[in-house]
Structures are given as C-alpha cells and as structure tokens.
Amino acid sequence: MATRERRLAEFDGNGEPPPDLPVQVLCEDHSGTYQLPFACRFIDGEWKNNESGGTVEATVVGWRLPAPGVRTRP
C-alpha cells in the first residue's frame, strides 16, 4: 500500500521519544493508518494522551515531532 508506506515515512521517529516530549503519533487498525488529533507522550512503555493523561487504546506505528508552530497543550 503506497499510502501506508508514505505515511510511515512521514512519521520517522526512531526508538522511543523522551517522556517529557509531546509528539504526533500515527496509528493503524483494520481500516488503515491515521494520525491522532492530539499530541501524545510515551511514558513507562505506554502512549498517553498529552492533554488528558489517558492511555492511548490504539496501535501506534510511528511518531514524529510536531511541526513548527503546532501547539501541544500540557
């Protein structure tokens, strides 16, 4: 799937981001890939919603730093 490969290439974070760094994440399910509409943090082996602190209940397949000027609320 060209679309999946293109999206994965856009989310090029390697390894795990530092836990104090909110990032954009790419998720995947049976319907395809999608970006979550909120920033996330990787804390103690789990992806967390940066705003609510709730655990992300999706399969994260990639991450990237937010684009310059994109707000990532605490």
PDB file of N, CA and C in Angstrom:
ATOM      1  N   MET A   1       0.835  -1.187   0.000  1.00  0.00           N
ATOM      2  CA  MET A   1       0.000   0.000   0.000  1.00  0.00           C
ATOM      3  C   MET A   1       0.877   1.246   0.000  1.00  0.00           C
ATOM      4  N   ALA A   2       0.805   2.012  -1.059  1.00  0.00           N
ATOM      5  CA  ALA A   2       1.616   3.212  -1.176  1.00  0.00           C
ATOM      6  C   ALA A   2       1.275   4.235  -0.100  1.00  0.00           C
ATOM      7  N   THR A   3      -0.009   4.381   0.194  1.00  0.00           N
ATOM      8  CA  THR A   3      -0.422   5.360   1.199  1.00  0.00           C
ATOM      9  C   THR A   3       0.163   5.021   2.566  1.00  0.00           C
ATOM     10  N   ARG A   4       0.107   3.768   2.954  1.00  0.00           N
ATOM     11  CA  ARG A   4       0.653   3.347   4.250  1.00  0.00           C
ATOM     12  C   ARG A   4       2.153   3.628   4.297  1.00  0.00           C
ATOM     13  N   GLU A   5       2.867   3.258   3.260  1.00  0.00           N
ATOM     14  CA  GLU A   5       4.317   3.470   3.233  1.00  0.00           C
ATOM     15  C   GLU A   5       4.655   4.958   3.277  1.00  0.00           C
ATOM     16  N   ARG A   6       3.894   5.767   2.560  1.00  0.00           N
ATOM     17  CA  ARG A   6       4.138   7.215   2.558  1.00  0.00           C
ATOM     18  C   ARG A   6       3.916   7.791   3.954  1.00  0.00           C
ATOM     19  N   ARG A   7       2.829   7.378   4.601  1.00  0.00           N
ATOM     20  CA  ARG A   7       2.545   7.884   5.950  1.00  0.00           C
ATOM     21  C   ARG A   7       3.612   7.430   6.948  1.00  0.00           C
ATOM     22  N   LEU A   8       4.020   6.179   6.851  1.00  0.00           N
ATOM     23  CA  LEU A   8       5.083   5.705   7.747  1.00  0.00           C
ATOM     24  C   LEU A   8       6.359   6.511   7.553  1.00  0.00           C
ATOM     25  N   ALA A   9       6.673   6.868   6.316  1.00  0.00           N
ATOM     26  CA  ALA A   9       7.868   7.657   6.038  1.00  0.00           C
ATOM     27  C   ALA A   9       7.768   9.058   6.652  1.00  0.00           C
ATOM     28  N   GLU A  10       6.566   9.590   6.772  1.00  0.00           N
ATOM     29  CA  GLU A  10       6.374  10.913   7.377  1.00  0.00           C
ATOM     30  C   GLU A  10       6.528  10.879   8.897  1.00  0.00           C
ATOM     31  N   PHE A  11       6.292   9.731   9.499  1.00  0.00           N
ATOM     32  CA  PHE A  11       6.418   9.566  10.945  1.00  0.00           C
ATOM     33  C   PHE A  11       7.693   8.781  11.203  1.00  0.00           C
ATOM     34  N   ASP A  12       8.806   9.482  11.141  1.00  0.00           N
ATOM     35  CA  ASP A  12      10.122   8.839  11.117  1.00  0.00           C
ATOM     36  C   ASP A  12      10.840   8.823  12.455  1.00  0.00           C
ATOM     37  N   GLY A  13      10.115   8.972  13.557  1.00  0.00           N
ATOM     38  CA  GLY A  13      10.767   8.926  14.865  1.00  0.00           C
ATOM     39  C   GLY A  13      11.361   7.553  15.112  1.00  0.00           C
ATOM     40  N   ASN A  14      12.597   7.527  15.533  1.00  0.00           N
ATOM     41  CA  ASN A  14      13.278   6.258  15.817  1.00  0.00           C
ATOM     42  C   ASN A  14      13.299   6.000  17.320  1.00  0.00           C
ATOM     43  N   GLY A  15      13.100   4.759  17.697  1.00  0.00           N
ATOM     44  CA  GLY A  15      13.133   4.411  19.114  1.00  0.00           C
ATOM     45  C   GLY A  15      11.961   5.030  19.843  1.00  0.00           C
ATOM     46  N   GLU A  16      12.190   5.397  21.073  1.00  0.00           N
ATOM     47  CA  GLU A  16      11.153   5.997  21.907  1.00  0.00           C
ATOM     48  C   GLU A  16      11.485   7.460  22.145  1.00  0.00           C
ATOM     49  N   PRO A  17      10.498   8.349  22.046  1.00  0.00           N
ATOM     50  CA  PRO A  17      10.767   9.758  22.357  1.00  0.00           C
ATOM     51  C   PRO A  17      10.943   9.937  23.861  1.00  0.00           C
ATOM     52  N   PRO A  18      11.650  10.986  24.290  1.00  0.00           N
ATOM     53  CA  PRO A  18      11.745  11.257  25.729  1.00  0.00           C
ATOM     54  C   PRO A  18      10.348  11.458  26.316  1.00  0.00           C
ATOM     55  N   PRO A  19      10.099  11.000  27.563  1.00  0.00           N
ATOM     56  CA  PRO A  19       8.757  11.075  28.144  1.00  0.00           C
ATOM     57  C   PRO A  19       8.245  12.500  28.339  1.00  0.00           C
ATOM     58  N   ASP A  20       9.135  13.492  28.381  1.00  0.00           N
ATOM     59  CA  ASP A  20       8.695  14.871  28.572  1.00  0.00           C
ATOM     60  C   ASP A  20       8.432  15.589  27.254  1.00  0.00           C
ATOM     61  N   LEU A  21       8.459  14.851  26.130  1.00  0.00           N
ATOM     62  CA  LEU A  21       8.307  15.445  24.814  1.00  0.00           C
ATOM     63  C   LEU A  21       6.991  15.011  24.163  1.00  0.00           C
ATOM     64  N   PRO A  22       6.017  15.938  24.000  1.00  0.00           N
ATOM     65  CA  PRO A  22       4.783  15.583  23.304  1.00  0.00           C
ATOM     66  C   PRO A  22       5.054  15.462  21.806  1.00  0.00           C
ATOM     67  N   VAL A  23       4.531  14.405  21.194  1.00  0.00           N
ATOM     68  CA  VAL A  23       4.760  14.139  19.780  1.00  0.00           C
ATOM     69  C   VAL A  23       3.445  13.785  19.083  1.00  0.00           C
ATOM     70  N   GLN A  24       3.470  13.830  17.759  1.00  0.00           N
ATOM     71  CA  GLN A  24       2.343  13.363  16.956  1.00  0.00           C
ATOM     72  C   GLN A  24       2.547  11.883  16.708  1.00  0.00           C
ATOM     73  N   VAL A  25       1.458  11.106  16.730  1.00  0.00           N
ATOM     74  CA  VAL A  25       1.586   9.672  16.509  1.00  0.00           C
ATOM     75  C   VAL A  25       0.706   9.209  15.351  1.00  0.00           C
ATOM     76  N   LEU A  26       1.188   8.159  14.689  1.00  0.00           N
ATOM     77  CA  LEU A  26       0.467   7.507  13.617  1.00  0.00           C
ATOM     78  C   LEU A  26       0.014   6.155  14.136  1.00  0.00           C
ATOM     79  N   CYS A  27      -1.272   5.871  13.987  1.00  0.00           N
ATOM     80  CA  CYS A  27      -1.834   4.615  14.463  1.00  0.00           C
ATOM     81  C   CYS A  27      -2.334   3.797  13.274  1.00  0.00           C
ATOM     82  N   GLU A  28      -2.589   2.517  13.547  1.00  0.00           N
ATOM     83  CA  GLU A  28      -3.062   1.636  12.491  1.00  0.00           C
ATOM     84  C   GLU A  28      -4.088   0.664  13.058  1.00  0.00           C
ATOM     85  N   ASP A  29      -5.125   0.410  12.261  1.00  0.00           N
ATOM     86  CA  ASP A  29      -6.097  -0.618  12.604  1.00  0.00           C
ATOM     87  C   ASP A  29      -6.532  -1.312  11.319  1.00  0.00           C
ATOM     88  N   HIS A  30      -7.592  -2.106  11.385  1.00  0.00           N
ATOM     89  CA  HIS A  30      -8.043  -2.866  10.228  1.00  0.00           C
ATOM     90  C   HIS A  30      -8.470  -1.983   9.054  1.00  0.00           C
ATOM     91  N   SER A  31      -8.758  -0.709   9.310  1.00  0.00           N
ATOM     92  CA  SER A  31      -9.180   0.212   8.248  1.00  0.00           C
ATOM     93  C   SER A  31      -8.022   0.952   7.590  1.00  0.00           C
ATOM     94  N   GLY A  32      -6.872   0.974   8.230  1.00  0.00           N
ATOM     95  CA  GLY A  32      -5.720   1.690   7.672  1.00  0.00           C
ATOM     96  C   GLY A  32      -4.971   2.472   8.728  1.00  0.00           C
ATOM     97  N   THR A  33      -4.224   3.484   8.270  1.00  0.00           N
ATOM     98  CA  THR A  33      -3.436   4.315   9.182  1.00  0.00           C
ATOM     99  C   THR A  33      -4.114   5.664   9.367  1.00  0.00           C
ATOM    100  N   TYR A  34      -3.880   6.262  10.525  1.00  0.00           N
ATOM    101  CA  TYR A  34      -4.462   7.569  10.820  1.00  0.00           C
ATOM    102  C   TYR A  34      -3.633   8.246  11.901  1.00  0.00           C
ATOM    103  N   GLN A  35      -3.625   9.579  11.858  1.00  0.00           N
ATOM    104  CA  GLN A  35      -2.933  10.371  12.871  1.00  0.00           C
ATOM    105  C   GLN A  35      -3.922  10.744  13.954  1.00  0.00           C
ATOM    106  N   LEU A  36      -3.528  10.602  15.201  1.00  0.00           N
ATOM    107  CA  LEU A  36      -4.402  11.028  16.297  1.00  0.00           C
ATOM    108  C   LEU A  36      -4.487  12.550  16.296  1.00  0.00           C
ATOM    109  N   PRO A  37      -5.643  13.109  16.667  1.00  0.00           N
ATOM    110  CA  PRO A  37      -5.826  14.567  16.628  1.00  0.00           C
ATOM    111  C   PRO A  37      -5.270  15.291  17.856  1.00  0.00           C
ATOM    112  N   PHE A  38      -4.494  14.605  18.654  1.00  0.00           N
ATOM    113  CA  PHE A  38      -3.912  15.196  19.861  1.00  0.00           C
ATOM    114  C   PHE A  38      -2.481  14.684  20.014  1.00  0.00           C
ATOM    115  N   ALA A  39      -1.670  15.459  20.716  1.00  0.00           N
ATOM    116  CA  ALA A  39      -0.289  15.062  20.979  1.00  0.00           C
ATOM    117  C   ALA A  39      -0.261  13.969  22.044  1.00  0.00           C
ATOM    118  N   CYS A  40       0.780  13.151  21.996  1.00  0.00           N
ATOM    119  CA  CYS A  40       0.942  12.056  22.954  1.00  0.00           C
ATOM    120  C   CYS A  40       2.344  12.076  23.541  1.00  0.00           C
ATOM    121  N   ARG A  41       2.484  11.402  24.668  1.00  0.00           N
ATOM    122  CA  ARG A  41       3.784  11.186  25.306  1.00  0.00           C
ATOM    123  C   ARG A  41       3.953   9.690  25.531  1.00  0.00           C
ATOM    124  N   PHE A  42       5.199   9.221  25.454  1.00  0.00           N
ATOM    125  CA  PHE A  42       5.496   7.812  25.708  1.00  0.00           C
ATOM    126  C   PHE A  42       6.068   7.723  27.111  1.00  0.00           C
ATOM    127  N   ILE A  43       5.283   7.183  28.050  1.00  0.00           N
ATOM    128  CA  ILE A  43       5.658   7.165  29.465  1.00  0.00           C
ATOM    129  C   ILE A  43       5.566   5.740  29.991  1.00  0.00           C
ATOM    130  N   ASP A  44       6.666   5.253  30.553  1.00  0.00           N
ATOM    131  CA  ASP A  44       6.703   3.914  31.155  1.00  0.00           C
ATOM    132  C   ASP A  44       6.159   2.833  30.217  1.00  0.00           C
ATOM    133  N   GLY A  45       6.552   2.912  28.948  1.00  0.00           N
ATOM    134  CA  GLY A  45       6.162   1.887  27.993  1.00  0.00           C
ATOM    135  C   GLY A  45       4.764   2.006  27.427  1.00  0.00           C
ATOM    136  N   GLU A  46       4.063   3.111  27.722  1.00  0.00           N
ATOM    137  CA  GLU A  46       2.706   3.308  27.218  1.00  0.00           C
ATOM    138  C   GLU A  46       2.571   4.673  26.585  1.00  0.00           C
ATOM    139  N   TRP A  47       1.760   4.736  25.521  1.00  0.00           N
ATOM    140  CA  TRP A  47       1.433   6.013  24.908  1.00  0.00           C
ATOM    141  C   TRP A  47       0.290   6.640  25.684  1.00  0.00           C
ATOM    142  N   LYS A  48       0.456   7.929  26.041  1.00  0.00           N
ATOM    143  CA  LYS A  48      -0.552   8.663  26.816  1.00  0.00           C
ATOM    144  C   LYS A  48      -0.985   9.907  26.056  1.00  0.00           C
ATOM    145  N   ASN A  49      -2.272  10.235  26.152  1.00  0.00           N
ATOM    146  CA  ASN A  49      -2.804  11.477  25.613  1.00  0.00           C
ATOM    147  C   ASN A  49      -2.154  12.615  26.393  1.00  0.00           C
ATOM    148  N   ASN A  50      -1.517  13.552  25.700  1.00  0.00           N
ATOM    149  CA  ASN A  50      -0.822  14.643  26.369  1.00  0.00           C
ATOM    150  C   ASN A  50      -1.771  15.550  27.144  1.00  0.00           C
ATOM    151  N   GLU A  51      -3.024  15.672  26.699  1.00  0.00           N
ATOM    152  CA  GLU A  51      -3.979  16.560  27.362  1.00  0.00           C
ATOM    153  C   GLU A  51      -4.652  15.898  28.556  1.00  0.00           C
ATOM    154  N   SER A  52      -5.160  14.682  28.364  1.00  0.00           N
ATOM    155  CA  SER A  52      -5.941  14.034  29.421  1.00  0.00           C
ATOM    156  C   SER A  52      -5.116  13.099  30.300  1.00  0.00           C
ATOM    157  N   GLY A  53      -3.982  12.638  29.778  1.00  0.00           N
ATOM    158  CA  GLY A  53      -3.181  11.667  30.516  1.00  0.00           C
ATOM    159  C   GLY A  53      -3.668  10.238  30.346  1.00  0.00           C
ATOM    160  N   GLY A  54      -4.766  10.063  29.605  1.00  0.00           N
ATOM    161  CA  GLY A  54      -5.316   8.732  29.385  1.00  0.00           C
ATOM    162  C   GLY A  54      -4.439   7.900  28.461  1.00  0.00           C
ATOM    163  N   THR A  55      -4.499   6.593  28.645  1.00  0.00           N
ATOM    164  CA  THR A  55      -3.742   5.668  27.809  1.00  0.00           C
ATOM    165  C   THR A  55      -4.351   5.605  26.413  1.00  0.00           C
ATOM    166  N   VAL A  56      -3.511   5.629  25.398  1.00  0.00           N
ATOM    167  CA  VAL A  56      -3.963   5.512  24.013  1.00  0.00           C
ATOM    168  C   VAL A  56      -4.318   4.055  23.752  1.00  0.00           C
ATOM    169  N   GLU A  57      -5.547   3.808  23.353  1.00  0.00           N
ATOM    170  CA  GLU A  57      -6.041   2.456  23.099  1.00  0.00           C
ATOM    171  C   GLU A  57      -5.982   2.146  21.603  1.00  0.00           C
ATOM    172  N   ALA A  58      -4.839   2.374  21.001  1.00  0.00           N
ATOM    173  CA  ALA A  58      -4.656   2.149  19.569  1.00  0.00           C
ATOM    174  C   ALA A  58      -3.247   1.623  19.356  1.00  0.00           C
ATOM    175  N   THR A  59      -3.015   1.019  18.205  1.00  0.00           N
ATOM    176  CA  THR A  59      -1.687   0.518  17.868  1.00  0.00           C
ATOM    177  C   THR A  59      -0.887   1.637  17.212  1.00  0.00           C
ATOM    178  N   VAL A  60       0.083   2.157  17.931  1.00  0.00           N
ATOM    179  CA  VAL A  60       0.936   3.231  17.413  1.00  0.00           C
ATOM    180  C   VAL A  60       2.039   2.600  16.567  1.00  0.00           C
ATOM    181  N   VAL A  61       2.158   3.059  15.313  1.00  0.00           N
ATOM    182  CA  VAL A  61       3.159   2.501  14.404  1.00  0.00           C
ATOM    183  C   VAL A  61       4.260   3.505  14.059  1.00  0.00           C
ATOM    184  N   GLY A  62       4.112   4.754  14.502  1.00  0.00           N
ATOM    185  CA  GLY A  62       5.148   5.749  14.247  1.00  0.00           C
ATOM    186  C   GLY A  62       4.890   7.020  15.021  1.00  0.00           C
ATOM    187  N   TRP A  63       5.949   7.822  15.158  1.00  0.00           N
ATOM    188  CA  TRP A  63       5.810   9.109  15.831  1.00  0.00           C
ATOM    189  C   TRP A  63       6.732  10.111  15.148  1.00  0.00           C
ATOM    190  N   ARG A  64       6.439  11.405  15.378  1.00  0.00           N
ATOM    191  CA  ARG A  64       7.277  12.486  14.859  1.00  0.00           C
ATOM    192  C   ARG A  64       7.122  13.704  15.752  1.00  0.00           C
ATOM    193  N   LEU A  65       8.084  14.579  15.651  1.00  0.00           N
ATOM    194  CA  LEU A  65       7.995  15.844  16.362  1.00  0.00           C
ATOM    195  C   LEU A  65       6.911  16.692  15.717  1.00  0.00           C
ATOM    196  N   PRO A  66       6.205  17.502  16.502  1.00  0.00           N
ATOM    197  CA  PRO A  66       5.183  18.367  15.919  1.00  0.00           C
ATOM    198  C   PRO A  66       5.816  19.369  14.953  1.00  0.00           C
ATOM    199  N   ALA A  67       5.057  19.763  13.948  1.00  0.00           N
ATOM    200  CA  ALA A  67       5.530  20.780  13.016  1.00  0.00           C
ATOM    201  C   ALA A  67       5.718  22.100  13.759  1.00  0.00           C
ATOM    202  N   PRO A  68       6.647  22.920  13.334  1.00  0.00           N
ATOM    203  CA  PRO A  68       6.839  24.226  13.995  1.00  0.00           C
ATOM    204  C   PRO A  68       5.527  25.015  14.015  1.00  0.00           C
ATOM    205  N   GLY A  69       5.234  25.592  15.154  1.00  0.00           N
ATOM    206  CA  GLY A  69       4.024  26.384  15.298  1.00  0.00           C
ATOM    207  C   GLY A  69       2.808  25.591  15.741  1.00  0.00           C
ATOM    208  N   VAL A  70       2.906  24.258  15.822  1.00  0.00           N
ATOM    209  CA  VAL A  70       1.785  23.440  16.281  1.00  0.00           C
ATOM    210  C   VAL A  70       1.798  23.414  17.794  1.00  0.00           C
ATOM    211  N   ARG A  71       0.679  23.774  18.396  1.00  0.00           N
ATOM    212  CA  ARG A  71       0.580  23.802  19.858  1.00  0.00           C
ATOM    213  C   ARG A  71       0.368  22.396  20.388  1.00  0.00           C
ATOM    214  N   THR A  72       1.079  22.074  21.444  1.00  0.00           N
ATOM    215  CA  THR A  72       0.880  20.792  22.145  1.00  0.00           C
ATOM    216  C   THR A  72       0.617  21.132  23.603  1.00  0.00           C
ATOM    217  N   ARG A  73      -0.640  21.265  23.923  1.00  0.00           N
ATOM    218  CA  ARG A  73      -1.021  21.670  25.285  1.00  0.00           C
ATOM    219  C   ARG A  73      -0.485  20.700  26.314  1.00  0.00           C
ATOM    220  N   PRO A  74      -0.218  21.200  27.525  1.00  0.00           N
ATOM    221  CA  PRO A  74       0.298  20.325  28.593  1.00  0.00           C
ATOM    222  C   PRO A  74      -0.692  19.276  29.013  1.00  0.00           C
TER     223      PRO A  74
END
